[in-house]
Protein backbone atom coordinates (compact mmCIF):
# COMPACT_ATOMS: atom_id res chain seq x y z
CA MET A 1 45.07 31.17 24.64
CA VAL A 2 43.91 31.43 21.02
CA GLU A 3 42.58 34.79 19.94
CA GLN A 4 39.24 34.72 18.10
CA LYS A 5 39.64 36.81 14.95
CA ARG A 6 36.20 36.19 13.47
CA GLU A 7 33.38 38.67 13.75
CA SER A 8 30.80 36.00 14.56
CA PHE A 9 30.62 32.97 16.81
CA ARG A 10 31.39 29.72 15.01
CA VAL A 11 30.41 26.18 16.09
CA GLU A 12 32.62 23.25 15.07
CA PHE A 13 30.73 19.96 14.82
CA PRO A 14 32.04 16.51 15.76
CA ARG A 15 31.73 13.70 13.20
CA SER A 16 28.87 12.06 15.07
CA TYR A 17 26.76 15.22 14.95
CA TYR A 18 27.20 16.83 11.54
CA PRO A 19 24.54 19.05 10.03
CA THR A 20 24.32 18.66 6.27
CA ILE A 21 24.25 21.18 3.50
CA THR A 22 22.60 20.51 0.16
CA LEU A 23 23.70 22.23 -3.01
CA GLN A 24 24.04 21.24 -6.62
CA ASP A 25 21.66 18.34 -5.77
CA LYS A 26 24.24 16.78 -3.41
CA SER A 27 24.56 16.70 0.37
CA PHE A 28 27.77 17.49 2.23
CA ASP A 29 28.75 17.25 5.90
CA VAL A 30 29.15 20.60 7.65
CA PHE A 31 32.44 21.07 9.53
CA ASP A 32 31.53 24.39 11.16
CA ALA A 33 28.88 27.07 10.96
CA SER A 34 28.16 30.61 12.07
CA GLU A 35 25.36 33.05 11.32
CA PHE A 36 27.22 34.26 8.24
CA GLY A 37 29.24 31.33 6.97
CA ILE A 38 29.60 27.58 6.64
CA LYS A 39 32.58 25.35 5.98
CA PHE A 40 31.79 21.90 4.65
CA TYR A 41 33.69 18.83 3.56
CA ASN A 42 34.24 18.44 -0.17
CA ALA A 43 34.55 14.65 -0.17
CA SER A 44 33.14 14.17 -3.65
CA ASP A 45 34.08 15.00 -7.18
CA SER A 46 31.81 18.05 -7.12
CA HIS A 47 33.15 21.10 -8.88
CA PHE A 48 32.61 24.51 -7.36
CA ILE A 49 33.29 27.96 -8.76
CA GLN A 50 34.63 30.66 -6.46
CA ASP A 51 32.43 33.76 -6.08
CA LYS A 52 29.43 31.92 -7.53
CA VAL A 53 26.12 32.69 -5.79
CA ILE A 54 24.16 29.54 -4.98
CA ASN A 55 20.93 28.49 -3.28
CA THR A 56 21.46 26.00 -0.51
CA THR A 57 19.72 24.24 2.35
CA ILE A 58 21.34 23.50 5.69
CA ILE A 59 19.74 20.74 7.76
CA PHE A 60 20.67 20.50 11.43
CA PRO A 61 20.65 17.17 13.30
CA ASP A 62 17.26 18.05 14.84
CA ASN A 63 15.93 18.22 11.23
CA GLU A 64 15.35 21.98 11.34
CA GLN A 65 16.36 23.39 7.98
CA PHE A 66 17.09 26.76 6.49
CA ASN A 67 17.10 27.70 2.81
CA VAL A 68 19.67 30.41 2.19
CA LYS A 69 21.48 32.14 -0.61
CA ALA A 70 25.27 31.95 -0.33
CA LYS A 71 28.49 32.80 -2.14
CA ILE A 72 31.43 30.41 -2.45
CA VAL A 73 34.38 32.27 -0.95
CA ARG A 74 37.10 29.62 -0.56
CA ILE A 75 37.83 26.34 -2.30
CA GLU A 76 40.37 24.05 -0.68
CA LYS A 77 41.22 20.43 -1.32
CA LYS A 78 39.04 19.08 1.50
CA PHE A 79 36.82 22.04 2.37
CA ILE A 80 34.55 24.59 0.75
CA SER A 81 33.71 27.82 2.60
CA ILE A 82 30.62 29.82 1.81
CA GLU A 83 29.43 33.22 2.94
CA LEU A 84 25.74 33.27 3.74
CA LEU A 85 23.99 36.18 2.07
CA GLU A 86 21.01 35.52 4.34
CA ALA A 87 22.13 34.95 7.93
CA LEU A 88 21.20 31.90 9.98
CA PRO A 89 19.49 32.81 13.26
CA LEU A 90 22.07 33.40 16.00
CA SER A 91 19.67 31.58 18.34
CA LYS A 92 20.09 28.42 16.24
CA ILE A 93 23.90 28.65 16.32
CA ARG A 94 23.86 29.15 20.10
CA GLU A 95 21.36 26.30 20.53
CA GLN A 96 23.68 23.98 18.60
CA HIS A 97 26.65 25.04 20.74
CA LEU A 98 24.76 24.34 23.97
CA LEU A 99 23.50 20.99 22.67
CA LEU A 100 27.04 19.93 21.80
CA ILE A 101 28.32 20.89 25.25
CA GLN A 102 25.49 19.00 26.89
CA LYS A 103 25.66 15.94 24.65
CA PHE A 104 29.40 15.46 24.79
CA SER A 105 29.96 16.42 28.43
CA GLU A 106 27.41 13.71 29.38
CA LYS A 107 29.46 11.11 27.47
CA LYS A 108 32.66 12.14 29.25
CA SER A 109 31.06 12.04 32.69
CA ALA A 110 29.72 8.52 32.00
CA LEU A 111 33.27 7.20 31.47
C-alpha cells in the first residue's frame, strides 16, 4: 500500500477528462489537482519562472471555472507544479473524484 504524504486530497485526471489551466495567455492540460495545488503538462515552449506569482484560470470539464492566484513551485521537463494562493473549493475536488469513479467504472462494466 502506498502511503499518502500530501496534506490535501489530490485527483489525477485521465487524458480523456483533463481540466485546463490558462496562464500567460496559453492553455495547458491539468494532470492533477487539489485544493492547494495543480500539476499541469508543459507541452509547449512556454517559459516559466520558479517562485513567480501568477494569475490563472482553471476550467473543469463541466465548464465551471475558477480564477486564482498561484505561485510556480516546481519546473520539470514535462510538468509545472503550482501552489494555489487561493484554494479551490474542496467540494469541487471531491465532485471531480466522484465523477471520475462513476464515469470510468461505467466504461469498465460495459466491457
